[in-house]
């Protein structure tokens, strides 16, 4: 009878009672009940951005205690402020002598992401990690995986018209002693071409500091109009050591003062500060942007604004009569 009562409590706490509303919240956390929500997956485990976005909702994880495992700093980087995030079990993978990893789909409105949570073999929580965060770039695709050695890889491929423009990969491992995920390898997107392609070149440039800022032939900061007066789109490309060290980033920036803007995106640890004058922009890496550059390519420096070439007039002067 005691065993039956315990199972019923688990069902109430973790949503196996189909009559309970999916939005219901319950207190308490049981590692066993939580673990039973997930199907065990064989290694290697692979999840693509399209696979994540096309996943159908299952019974949500309704434990209020579980939500405490997701740091506010992580949620704020991924979801807009005030979002009500729901969590759904995807899969779990086990290391017989070590940790169990749980892959959880987190969703709020149209925003969806996959998180990875590590627990030790005694059921103690370790850390949470942004496993896969789909972007809105139509030419990029992302695949995240966990191999048989429990290395966690996040891969990105950029392709246009079936031609691969570049591929990159970050590899992480879980440090159980420090209870954190550590980056052990970065393979930056290999996008070296004879000509430097500016992906935002055709966007409008009506705001005060729009234009191209350069330093040498292969270093550029391009600024174009954003969605509102306090937003802009930025493209940063830098190269050093004869092209051996390359960094590149594209994204929205937000003006925090009349001449200062910040790049900060949900789920992205990188933070860049842009300080403008009428003739230059100074770039400062406020927080680590290692995912976008090599070890010796800090996103720093002052770039001079390039003068725009004025179109030649096609109006011919009429001869005097």
C-alpha atoms as a PDB file:
ATOM      1  CA  UNK A   1       0.000   0.000   0.000  1.00  0.00           C
ATOM      2  CA  UNK A   2       2.863   2.387   0.819  1.00  0.00           C
ATOM      3  CA  UNK A   3       4.439   1.718  -2.604  1.00  0.00           C
ATOM      4  CA  UNK A   4       1.106   2.409  -4.380  1.00  0.00           C
ATOM      5  CA  UNK A   5       0.720   5.656  -2.458  1.00  0.00           C
ATOM      6  CA  UNK A   6       4.252   6.758  -3.392  1.00  0.00           C
ATOM      7  CA  UNK A   7       3.608   6.122  -7.095  1.00  0.00           C
ATOM      8  CA  UNK A   8       0.398   8.137  -6.932  1.00  0.00           C
ATOM      9  CA  UNK A   9       2.265  11.053  -5.378  1.00  0.00           C
ATOM     10  CA  UNK A  10       4.798  10.942  -8.201  1.00  0.00           C
ATOM     11  CA  UNK A  11       2.034  11.007 -10.775  1.00  0.00           C
ATOM     12  CA  UNK A  12       0.460  14.028  -9.130  1.00  0.00           C
ATOM     13  CA  UNK A  13       3.822  15.842  -8.949  1.00  0.00           C
ATOM     14  CA  UNK A  14       4.940  15.208 -12.532  1.00  0.00           C
ATOM     15  CA  UNK A  15       1.869  15.233 -14.707  1.00  0.00           C
ATOM     16  CA  UNK A  16       1.045  11.549 -15.322  1.00  0.00           C
ATOM     17  CA  UNK A  17      -2.540  12.316 -14.252  1.00  0.00           C
ATOM     18  CA  UNK A  18      -4.184  13.257 -17.564  1.00  0.00           C
ATOM     19  CA  UNK A  19      -7.129  14.873 -15.791  1.00  0.00           C
ATOM     20  CA  UNK A  20      -4.919  17.572 -14.277  1.00  0.00           C
ATOM     21  CA  UNK A  21      -4.603  20.822 -16.220  1.00  0.00           C
ATOM     22  CA  UNK A  22      -1.341  21.159 -18.137  1.00  0.00           C
ATOM     23  CA  UNK A  23      -0.831  24.584 -16.580  1.00  0.00           C
ATOM     24  CA  UNK A  24      -1.200  23.324 -13.023  1.00  0.00           C
ATOM     25  CA  UNK A  25       1.743  23.950 -10.729  1.00  0.00           C
ATOM     26  CA  UNK A  26       2.777  21.579  -7.987  1.00  0.00           C
ATOM     27  CA  UNK A  27       5.323  21.851  -5.227  1.00  0.00           C
ATOM     28  CA  UNK A  28       8.141  19.471  -4.474  1.00  0.00           C
ATOM     29  CA  UNK A  29      10.693  17.652  -6.582  1.00  0.00           C
ATOM     30  CA  UNK A  30      11.503  13.969  -6.816  1.00  0.00           C
ATOM     31  CA  UNK A  31      14.467  12.976  -8.971  1.00  0.00           C
ATOM     32  CA  UNK A  32      12.935   9.553  -9.591  1.00  0.00           C
ATOM     33  CA  UNK A  33       9.613  11.019 -10.701  1.00  0.00           C
ATOM     34  CA  UNK A  34      11.397  13.595 -12.846  1.00  0.00           C
ATOM     35  CA  UNK A  35      13.609  10.961 -14.457  1.00  0.00           C
ATOM     36  CA  UNK A  36      10.609   8.762 -15.281  1.00  0.00           C
ATOM     37  CA  UNK A  37       9.235  11.505 -17.535  1.00  0.00           C
ATOM     38  CA  UNK A  38      12.127  11.052 -19.968  1.00  0.00           C
ATOM     39  CA  UNK A  39      12.792   8.277 -22.453  1.00  0.00           C
ATOM     40  CA  UNK A  40      16.371   7.086 -22.331  1.00  0.00           C
ATOM     41  CA  UNK A  41      18.223   7.744 -25.598  1.00  0.00           C
ATOM     42  CA  UNK A  42      21.165   5.847 -27.010  1.00  0.00           C
ATOM     43  CA  UNK A  43      24.457   7.633 -27.594  1.00  0.00           C
ATOM     44  CA  UNK A  44      25.333   9.488 -29.685  1.00  0.00           C
ATOM     45  CA  UNK A  45      22.277  11.700 -29.189  1.00  0.00           C
ATOM     46  CA  UNK A  46      21.613  14.240 -31.950  1.00  0.00           C
ATOM     47  CA  UNK A  47      19.088  17.090 -32.076  1.00  0.00           C
ATOM     48  CA  UNK A  48      18.662  19.521 -34.993  1.00  0.00           C
ATOM     49  CA  UNK A  49      17.005  22.930 -34.953  1.00  0.00           C
ATOM     50  CA  UNK A  50      14.248  21.747 -37.310  1.00  0.00           C
ATOM     51  CA  UNK A  51      13.729  18.640 -35.189  1.00  0.00           C
ATOM     52  CA  UNK A  52      13.361  20.762 -32.072  1.00  0.00           C
ATOM     53  CA  UNK A  53      10.958  23.226 -33.672  1.00  0.00           C
ATOM     54  CA  UNK A  54       8.795  20.412 -35.083  1.00  0.00           C
ATOM     55  CA  UNK A  55       8.555  18.488 -31.809  1.00  0.00           C
ATOM     56  CA  UNK A  56       4.990  18.050 -30.629  1.00  0.00           C
ATOM     57  CA  UNK A  57       4.213  19.024 -27.069  1.00  0.00           C
ATOM     58  CA  UNK A  58       4.030  16.278 -24.473  1.00  0.00           C
ATOM     59  CA  UNK A  59       2.946  16.584 -20.847  1.00  0.00           C
ATOM     60  CA  UNK A  60       4.808  19.553 -19.402  1.00  0.00           C
ATOM     61  CA  UNK A  61       7.054  19.475 -16.339  1.00  0.00           C
ATOM     62  CA  UNK A  62       4.906  21.207 -13.742  1.00  0.00           C
ATOM     63  CA  UNK A  63       7.086  21.105 -10.656  1.00  0.00           C
ATOM     64  CA  UNK A  64       7.761  24.614  -9.314  1.00  0.00           C
ATOM     65  CA  UNK A  65      10.911  23.248  -7.682  1.00  0.00           C
ATOM     66  CA  UNK A  66      12.229  22.181 -11.094  1.00  0.00           C
ATOM     67  CA  UNK A  67      11.999  25.757 -12.383  1.00  0.00           C
ATOM     68  CA  UNK A  68      14.531  26.792  -9.739  1.00  0.00           C
ATOM     69  CA  UNK A  69      17.141  24.668 -11.531  1.00  0.00           C
ATOM     70  CA  UNK A  70      17.035  27.022 -14.531  1.00  0.00           C
ATOM     71  CA  UNK A  71      19.083  30.125 -13.637  1.00  0.00           C
ATOM     72  CA  UNK A  72      17.347  33.464 -14.181  1.00  0.00           C
ATOM     73  CA  UNK A  73      20.431  34.668 -16.053  1.00  0.00           C
ATOM     74  CA  UNK A  74      19.975  31.850 -18.580  1.00  0.00           C
ATOM     75  CA  UNK A  75      16.248  32.497 -19.018  1.00  0.00           C
ATOM     76  CA  UNK A  76      16.804  36.224 -19.498  1.00  0.00           C
ATOM     77  CA  UNK A  77      19.340  35.587 -22.273  1.00  0.00           C
ATOM     78  CA  UNK A  78      16.905  33.384 -24.190  1.00  0.00           C
ATOM     79  CA  UNK A  79      13.403  34.664 -23.488  1.00  0.00           C
ATOM     80  CA  UNK A  80      11.932  38.183 -23.363  1.00  0.00           C
ATOM     81  CA  UNK A  81      11.359  39.668 -19.936  1.00  0.00           C
ATOM     82  CA  UNK A  82       8.156  38.467 -18.309  1.00  0.00           C
ATOM     83  CA  UNK A  83       7.816  35.363 -20.488  1.00  0.00           C
ATOM     84  CA  UNK A  84       5.994  32.405 -18.972  1.00  0.00           C
ATOM     85  CA  UNK A  85       8.228  29.509 -19.930  1.00  0.00           C
ATOM     86  CA  UNK A  86       6.952  25.954 -20.128  1.00  0.00           C
ATOM     87  CA  UNK A  87       9.231  22.919 -20.023  1.00  0.00           C
ATOM     88  CA  UNK A  88       8.781  19.577 -21.788  1.00  0.00           C
ATOM     89  CA  UNK A  89      10.858  16.380 -21.473  1.00  0.00           C
ATOM     90  CA  UNK A  90      12.769  15.310 -24.595  1.00  0.00           C
ATOM     91  CA  UNK A  91      15.321  12.638 -23.666  1.00  0.00           C
ATOM     92  CA  UNK A  92      17.897  11.514 -21.116  1.00  0.00           C
ATOM     93  CA  UNK A  93      21.330   9.958 -21.538  1.00  0.00           C
ATOM     94  CA  UNK A  94      23.308   8.208 -18.828  1.00  0.00           C
ATOM     95  CA  UNK A  95      26.894   7.642 -17.887  1.00  0.00           C
ATOM     96  CA  UNK A  96      26.886   4.436 -15.796  1.00  0.00           C
ATOM     97  CA  UNK A  97      29.497   5.746 -13.354  1.00  0.00           C
ATOM     98  CA  UNK A  98      28.800   9.454 -13.626  1.00  0.00           C
ATOM     99  CA  UNK A  99      26.077  11.882 -14.575  1.00  0.00           C
ATOM    100  CA  UNK A 100      22.666  11.704 -16.170  1.00  0.00           C
ATOM    101  CA  UNK A 101      21.899  14.401 -18.726  1.00  0.00           C
ATOM    102  CA  UNK A 102      18.303  15.487 -19.282  1.00  0.00           C
ATOM    103  CA  UNK A 103      17.386  17.343 -22.480  1.00  0.00           C
ATOM    104  CA  UNK A 104      14.427  19.657 -21.882  1.00  0.00           C
ATOM    105  CA  UNK A 105      12.518  21.718 -24.427  1.00  0.00           C
ATOM    106  CA  UNK A 106      11.736  25.190 -23.124  1.00  0.00           C
ATOM    107  CA  UNK A 107       9.083  27.242 -24.900  1.00  0.00           C
ATOM    108  CA  UNK A 108       7.473  30.648 -24.501  1.00  0.00           C
ATOM    109  CA  UNK A 109       5.294  31.847 -27.363  1.00  0.00           C
ATOM    110  CA  UNK A 110       7.115  31.211 -30.635  1.00  0.00           C
ATOM    111  CA  UNK A 111      10.534  31.037 -28.936  1.00  0.00           C
ATOM    112  CA  UNK A 112      11.792  27.484 -28.404  1.00  0.00           C
ATOM    113  CA  UNK A 113      15.105  26.154 -27.176  1.00  0.00           C
ATOM    114  CA  UNK A 114      16.636  22.982 -25.768  1.00  0.00           C
ATOM    115  CA  UNK A 115      18.338  22.974 -22.379  1.00  0.00           C
ATOM    116  CA  UNK A 116      20.578  20.303 -20.908  1.00  0.00           C
ATOM    117  CA  UNK A 117      20.558  19.602 -17.168  1.00  0.00           C
ATOM    118  CA  UNK A 118      23.188  17.511 -15.408  1.00  0.00           C
ATOM    119  CA  UNK A 119      22.499  15.402 -12.301  1.00  0.00           C
ATOM    120  CA  UNK A 120      24.975  13.117 -10.550  1.00  0.00           C
ATOM    121  CA  UNK A 121      24.322   9.400  -9.996  1.00  0.00           C
ATOM    122  CA  UNK A 122      22.818  10.182  -6.566  1.00  0.00           C
ATOM    123  CA  UNK A 123      20.211  12.464  -8.140  1.00  0.00           C
ATOM    124  CA  UNK A 124      21.815  15.748  -7.093  1.00  0.00           C
ATOM    125  CA  UNK A 125      21.461  18.712  -9.474  1.00  0.00           C
ATOM    126  CA  UNK A 126      24.637  20.037 -11.081  1.00  0.00           C
ATOM    127  CA  UNK A 127      24.146  22.669 -13.770  1.00  0.00           C
ATOM    128  CA  UNK A 128      22.027  23.791 -16.735  1.00  0.00           C
ATOM    129  CA  UNK A 129      23.360  24.482 -20.224  1.00  0.00           C
ATOM    130  CA  UNK A 130      21.872  25.995 -23.437  1.00  0.00           C
ATOM    131  CA  UNK A 131      22.050  22.862 -25.595  1.00  0.00           C
ATOM    132  CA  UNK A 132      20.454  24.221 -28.780  1.00  0.00           C
ATOM    133  CA  UNK A 133      19.087  27.695 -29.513  1.00  0.00           C
ATOM    134  CA  UNK A 134      17.627  28.041 -33.024  1.00  0.00           C
ATOM    135  CA  UNK A 135      18.355  31.367 -34.705  1.00  0.00           C
ATOM    136  CA  UNK A 136      16.411  33.310 -37.316  1.00  0.00           C
ATOM    137  CA  UNK A 137      19.124  33.240 -39.992  1.00  0.00           C
ATOM    138  CA  UNK A 138      17.523  31.600 -43.064  1.00  0.00           C
ATOM    139  CA  UNK A 139      20.864  30.309 -44.400  1.00  0.00           C
ATOM    140  CA  UNK A 140      22.053  28.669 -41.178  1.00  0.00           C
ATOM    141  CA  UNK A 141      21.208  25.313 -39.606  1.00  0.00           C
ATOM    142  CA  UNK A 142      22.201  24.009 -36.190  1.00  0.00           C
ATOM    143  CA  UNK A 143      22.756  20.526 -34.820  1.00  0.00           C
ATOM    144  CA  UNK A 144      23.717  19.719 -31.223  1.00  0.00           C
ATOM    145  CA  UNK A 145      24.894  16.313 -30.055  1.00  0.00           C
ATOM    146  CA  UNK A 146      26.263  14.266 -27.170  1.00  0.00           C
ATOM    147  CA  UNK A 147      28.785  11.587 -28.135  1.00  0.00           C
ATOM    148  CA  UNK A 148      29.676   8.338 -26.355  1.00  0.00           C
ATOM    149  CA  UNK A 149      32.336  10.149 -24.321  1.00  0.00           C
ATOM    150  CA  UNK A 150      29.688  12.673 -23.189  1.00  0.00           C
ATOM    151  CA  UNK A 151      31.316  15.479 -25.155  1.00  0.00           C
ATOM    152  CA  UNK A 152      28.669  18.056 -26.040  1.00  0.00           C
ATOM    153  CA  UNK A 153      28.958  19.602 -29.505  1.00  0.00           C
ATOM    154  CA  UNK A 154      27.071  22.539 -30.951  1.00  0.00           C
ATOM    155  CA  UNK A 155      27.434  22.703 -34.738  1.00  0.00           C
ATOM    156  CA  UNK A 156      26.351  25.392 -37.187  1.00  0.00           C
ATOM    157  CA  UNK A 157      26.331  25.273 -40.984  1.00  0.00           C
ATOM    158  CA  UNK A 158      25.614  28.150 -43.312  1.00  0.00           C
ATOM    159  CA  UNK A 159      24.358  27.188 -46.733  1.00  0.00           C
ATOM    160  CA  UNK A 160      22.934  29.131 -49.646  1.00  0.00           C
ATOM    161  CA  UNK A 161      21.618  27.530 -52.872  1.00  0.00           C
ATOM    162  CA  UNK A 162      22.949  24.131 -51.703  1.00  0.00           C
ATOM    163  CA  UNK A 163      26.453  25.599 -51.423  1.00  0.00           C
ATOM    164  CA  UNK A 164      28.069  25.432 -47.989  1.00  0.00           C
ATOM    165  CA  UNK A 165      29.319  28.874 -46.979  1.00  0.00           C
ATOM    166  CA  UNK A 166      30.881  27.803 -43.707  1.00  0.00           C
ATOM    167  CA  UNK A 167      30.835  25.362 -40.827  1.00  0.00           C
ATOM    168  CA  UNK A 168      31.706  25.804 -37.174  1.00  0.00           C
ATOM    169  CA  UNK A 169      31.622  23.810 -33.964  1.00  0.00           C
ATOM    170  CA  UNK A 170      31.965  24.303 -30.202  1.00  0.00           C
ATOM    171  CA  UNK A 171      32.678  21.344 -27.928  1.00  0.00           C
ATOM    172  CA  UNK A 172      31.942  21.352 -24.186  1.00  0.00           C
ATOM    173  CA  UNK A 173      32.409  18.907 -21.324  1.00  0.00           C
ATOM    174  CA  UNK A 174      30.722  18.847 -17.932  1.00  0.00           C
ATOM    175  CA  UNK A 175      33.029  19.458 -14.969  1.00  0.00           C
ATOM    176  CA  UNK A 176      31.301  17.688 -12.090  1.00  0.00           C
ATOM    177  CA  UNK A 177      33.687  19.122  -9.488  1.00  0.00           C
ATOM    178  CA  UNK A 178      32.981  22.723 -10.475  1.00  0.00           C
ATOM    179  CA  UNK A 179      29.389  21.955 -11.533  1.00  0.00           C
ATOM    180  CA  UNK A 180      29.803  23.805 -14.810  1.00  0.00           C
ATOM    181  CA  UNK A 181      30.095  23.168 -18.549  1.00  0.00           C
ATOM    182  CA  UNK A 182      33.507  24.032 -19.953  1.00  0.00           C
ATOM    183  CA  UNK A 183      34.381  24.933 -23.543  1.00  0.00           C
ATOM    184  CA  UNK A 184      37.274  22.728 -24.670  1.00  0.00           C
ATOM    185  CA  UNK A 185      37.358  23.382 -28.419  1.00  0.00           C
ATOM    186  CA  UNK A 186      36.164  26.001 -30.878  1.00  0.00           C
ATOM    187  CA  UNK A 187      36.198  25.500 -34.631  1.00  0.00           C
ATOM    188  CA  UNK A 188      35.112  28.860 -36.015  1.00  0.00           C
ATOM    189  CA  UNK A 189      33.005  29.175 -39.116  1.00  0.00           C
ATOM    190  CA  UNK A 190      35.381  28.875 -42.067  1.00  0.00           C
ATOM    191  CA  UNK A 191      34.103  31.573 -44.356  1.00  0.00           C
ATOM    192  CA  UNK A 192      37.278  32.779 -46.039  1.00  0.00           C
ATOM    193  CA  UNK A 193      36.580  33.924 -49.546  1.00  0.00           C
ATOM    194  CA  UNK A 194      38.497  36.020 -52.015  1.00  0.00           C
ATOM    195  CA  UNK A 195      36.054  38.864 -51.457  1.00  0.00           C
ATOM    196  CA  UNK A 196      34.737  39.902 -48.084  1.00  0.00           C
ATOM    197  CA  UNK A 197      30.944  39.572 -48.247  1.00  0.00           C
ATOM    198  CA  UNK A 198      28.911  41.990 -46.148  1.00  0.00           C
ATOM    199  CA  UNK A 199      25.558  40.240 -45.476  1.00  0.00           C
ATOM    200  CA  UNK A 200      23.809  43.474 -44.415  1.00  0.00           C
ATOM    201  CA  UNK A 201      25.205  45.713 -47.157  1.00  0.00           C
ATOM    202  CA  UNK A 202      21.859  46.153 -48.931  1.00  0.00           C
ATOM    203  CA  UNK A 203      19.929  47.239 -45.812  1.00  0.00           C
ATOM    204  CA  UNK A 204      18.921  50.880 -45.495  1.00  0.00           C
ATOM    205  CA  UNK A 205      21.274  53.330 -43.815  1.00  0.00           C
ATOM    206  CA  UNK A 206      19.331  56.371 -42.640  1.00  0.00           C
ATOM    207  CA  UNK A 207      20.257  56.478 -38.937  1.00  0.00           C
ATOM    208  CA  UNK A 208      23.006  58.841 -37.817  1.00  0.00           C
ATOM    209  CA  UNK A 209      25.809  56.303 -37.380  1.00  0.00           C
ATOM    210  CA  UNK A 210      24.960  53.949 -40.237  1.00  0.00           C
ATOM    211  CA  UNK A 211      27.775  53.170 -42.657  1.00  0.00           C
ATOM    212  CA  UNK A 212      30.940  51.089 -42.883  1.00  0.00           C
ATOM    213  CA  UNK A 213      33.867  51.501 -40.497  1.00  0.00           C
ATOM    214  CA  UNK A 214      37.155  49.916 -41.552  1.00  0.00           C
ATOM    215  CA  UNK A 215      40.634  49.116 -40.268  1.00  0.00           C
ATOM    216  CA  UNK A 216      42.807  47.784 -43.056  1.00  0.00           C
ATOM    217  CA  UNK A 217      41.422  45.763 -45.952  1.00  0.00           C
ATOM    218  CA  UNK A 218      39.865  42.844 -44.060  1.00  0.00           C
ATOM    219  CA  UNK A 219      38.444  44.421 -40.902  1.00  0.00           C
ATOM    220  CA  UNK A 220      35.027  46.032 -40.999  1.00  0.00           C
ATOM    221  CA  UNK A 221      32.166  47.093 -38.759  1.00  0.00           C
ATOM    222  CA  UNK A 222      29.008  47.693 -40.776  1.00  0.00           C
ATOM    223  CA  UNK A 223      25.994  49.469 -39.254  1.00  0.00           C
ATOM    224  CA  UNK A 224      22.540  49.542 -40.851  1.00  0.00           C
ATOM    225  CA  UNK A 225      19.025  50.571 -39.823  1.00  0.00           C
ATOM    226  CA  UNK A 226      17.212  48.481 -37.225  1.00  0.00           C
ATOM    227  CA  UNK A 227      13.538  48.109 -36.429  1.00  0.00           C
ATOM    228  CA  UNK A 228      13.287  51.310 -34.427  1.00  0.00           C
ATOM    229  CA  UNK A 229      15.177  54.535 -33.657  1.00  0.00           C
ATOM    230  CA  UNK A 230      17.125  52.906 -30.814  1.00  0.00           C
ATOM    231  CA  UNK A 231      18.046  49.750 -32.727  1.00  0.00           C
ATOM    232  CA  UNK A 232      20.531  48.965 -35.472  1.00  0.00           C
ATOM    233  CA  UNK A 233      21.934  45.928 -37.247  1.00  0.00           C
ATOM    234  CA  UNK A 234      25.684  45.350 -36.942  1.00  0.00           C
ATOM    235  CA  UNK A 235      28.099  43.145 -38.864  1.00  0.00           C
ATOM    236  CA  UNK A 236      31.642  42.728 -37.515  1.00  0.00           C
ATOM    237  CA  UNK A 237      34.433  40.966 -39.411  1.00  0.00           C
ATOM    238  CA  UNK A 238      38.051  40.989 -38.275  1.00  0.00           C
ATOM    239  CA  UNK A 239      41.189  39.186 -39.369  1.00  0.00           C
ATOM    240  CA  UNK A 240      44.751  39.099 -38.047  1.00  0.00           C
ATOM    241  CA  UNK A 241      47.931  37.048 -38.409  1.00  0.00           C
ATOM    242  CA  UNK A 242      47.591  36.916 -42.209  1.00  0.00           C
ATOM    243  CA  UNK A 243      44.110  35.449 -42.007  1.00  0.00           C
ATOM    244  CA  UNK A 244      44.995  32.755 -39.486  1.00  0.00           C
ATOM    245  CA  UNK A 245      42.819  34.355 -36.832  1.00  0.00           C
ATOM    246  CA  UNK A 246      39.302  35.334 -37.885  1.00  0.00           C
ATOM    247  CA  UNK A 247      36.302  36.673 -36.006  1.00  0.00           C
ATOM    248  CA  UNK A 248      32.817  37.453 -37.246  1.00  0.00           C
ATOM    249  CA  UNK A 249      29.468  38.415 -35.740  1.00  0.00           C
ATOM    250  CA  UNK A 250      26.130  39.683 -37.022  1.00  0.00           C
ATOM    251  CA  UNK A 251      23.196  40.808 -34.901  1.00  0.00           C
ATOM    252  CA  UNK A 252      21.005  43.561 -33.524  1.00  0.00           C
ATOM    253  CA  UNK A 253      22.439  46.270 -31.293  1.00  0.00           C
ATOM    254  CA  UNK A 254      20.575  48.594 -28.926  1.00  0.00           C
ATOM    255  CA  UNK A 255      21.534  52.230 -28.355  1.00  0.00           C
ATOM    256  CA  UNK A 256      21.866  52.902 -24.624  1.00  0.00           C
ATOM    257  CA  UNK A 257      22.849  56.564 -25.092  1.00  0.00           C
ATOM    258  CA  UNK A 258      23.155  59.034 -27.947  1.00  0.00           C
ATOM    259  CA  UNK A 259      26.475  57.531 -29.106  1.00  0.00           C
ATOM    260  CA  UNK A 260      26.754  54.134 -27.375  1.00  0.00           C
ATOM    261  CA  UNK A 261      25.194  50.824 -28.382  1.00  0.00           C
ATOM    262  CA  UNK A 262      25.342  47.291 -26.954  1.00  0.00           C
ATOM    263  CA  UNK A 263      25.206  43.874 -28.580  1.00  0.00           C
ATOM    264  CA  UNK A 264      23.532  41.460 -26.158  1.00  0.00           C
ATOM    265  CA  UNK A 265      21.423  38.479 -27.274  1.00  0.00           C
ATOM    266  CA  UNK A 266      19.440  35.882 -25.343  1.00  0.00           C
ATOM    267  CA  UNK A 267      21.427  32.724 -24.733  1.00  0.00           C
ATOM    268  CA  UNK A 268      24.641  34.333 -25.986  1.00  0.00           C
ATOM    269  CA  UNK A 269      27.397  35.128 -23.448  1.00  0.00           C
ATOM    270  CA  UNK A 270      28.965  37.657 -25.835  1.00  0.00           C
ATOM    271  CA  UNK A 271      28.503  41.352 -25.004  1.00  0.00           C
ATOM    272  CA  UNK A 272      30.004  44.080 -27.230  1.00  0.00           C
ATOM    273  CA  UNK A 273      29.993  47.834 -26.733  1.00  0.00           C
ATOM    274  CA  UNK A 274      30.023  50.224 -29.710  1.00  0.00           C
ATOM    275  CA  UNK A 275      31.045  53.844 -29.030  1.00  0.00           C
ATOM    276  CA  UNK A 276      30.516  56.176 -31.973  1.00  0.00           C
ATOM    277  CA  UNK A 277      31.862  59.527 -33.082  1.00  0.00           C
ATOM    278  CA  UNK A 278      31.086  61.272 -36.353  1.00  0.00           C
ATOM    279  CA  UNK A 279      34.159  59.687 -37.946  1.00  0.00           C
ATOM    280  CA  UNK A 280      34.834  56.411 -36.096  1.00  0.00           C
ATOM    281  CA  UNK A 281      33.539  53.631 -33.868  1.00  0.00           C
ATOM    282  CA  UNK A 282      35.385  51.981 -30.991  1.00  0.00           C
ATOM    283  CA  UNK A 283      34.554  48.350 -30.275  1.00  0.00           C
ATOM    284  CA  UNK A 284      35.025  46.854 -26.808  1.00  0.00           C
ATOM    285  CA  UNK A 285      34.424  43.250 -25.779  1.00  0.00           C
ATOM    286  CA  UNK A 286      32.601  43.529 -22.459  1.00  0.00           C
ATOM    287  CA  UNK A 287      32.074  39.765 -22.030  1.00  0.00           C
ATOM    288  CA  UNK A 288      33.571  36.726 -23.712  1.00  0.00           C
ATOM    289  CA  UNK A 289      32.833  36.397 -27.422  1.00  0.00           C
ATOM    290  CA  UNK A 290      35.010  33.324 -27.958  1.00  0.00           C
ATOM    291  CA  UNK A 291      32.270  31.617 -29.977  1.00  0.00           C
ATOM    292  CA  UNK A 292      32.762  34.206 -32.715  1.00  0.00           C
ATOM    293  CA  UNK A 293      36.540  34.541 -32.887  1.00  0.00           C
ATOM    294  CA  UNK A 294      39.899  32.858 -32.449  1.00  0.00           C
ATOM    295  CA  UNK A 295      41.910  33.003 -29.261  1.00  0.00           C
ATOM    296  CA  UNK A 296      44.074  35.868 -30.508  1.00  0.00           C
ATOM    297  CA  UNK A 297      41.313  37.875 -32.196  1.00  0.00           C
ATOM    298  CA  UNK A 298      39.742  40.043 -29.494  1.00  0.00           C
ATOM    299  CA  UNK A 299      36.838  42.103 -30.760  1.00  0.00           C
ATOM    300  CA  UNK A 300      38.464  45.393 -29.852  1.00  0.00           C
ATOM    301  CA  UNK A 301      39.779  48.503 -31.559  1.00  0.00           C
ATOM    302  CA  UNK A 302      38.860  51.722 -33.305  1.00  0.00           C
ATOM    303  CA  UNK A 303      37.540  51.658 -36.857  1.00  0.00           C
ATOM    304  CA  UNK A 304      37.431  54.703 -39.161  1.00  0.00           C
ATOM    305  CA  UNK A 305      34.238  55.544 -40.998  1.00  0.00           C
ATOM    306  CA  UNK A 306      34.500  54.973 -44.723  1.00  0.00           C
ATOM    307  CA  UNK A 307      33.346  57.798 -46.942  1.00  0.00           C
ATOM    308  CA  UNK A 308      30.356  56.852 -49.037  1.00  0.00           C
ATOM    309  CA  UNK A 309      30.903  57.126 -52.757  1.00  0.00           C
ATOM    310  CA  UNK A 310      28.335  59.455 -54.248  1.00  0.00           C
ATOM    311  CA  UNK A 311      26.576  58.160 -57.364  1.00  0.00           C
ATOM    312  CA  UNK A 312      27.603  59.937 -60.514  1.00  0.00           C
ATOM    313  CA  UNK A 313      25.039  62.315 -61.893  1.00  0.00           C
ATOM    314  CA  UNK A 314      23.425  61.171 -65.099  1.00  0.00           C
ATOM    315  CA  UNK A 315      22.013  64.599 -65.904  1.00  0.00           C
ATOM    316  CA  UNK A 316      23.821  66.197 -68.785  1.00  0.00           C
ATOM    317  CA  UNK A 317      23.967  69.947 -69.068  1.00  0.00           C
ATOM    318  CA  UNK A 318      21.907  71.222 -71.913  1.00  0.00           C
ATOM    319  CA  UNK A 319      23.809  73.300 -74.444  1.00  0.00           C
ATOM    320  CA  UNK A 320      23.037  76.997 -74.412  1.00  0.00           C
ATOM    321  CA  UNK A 321      20.954  78.202 -77.290  1.00  0.00           C
END
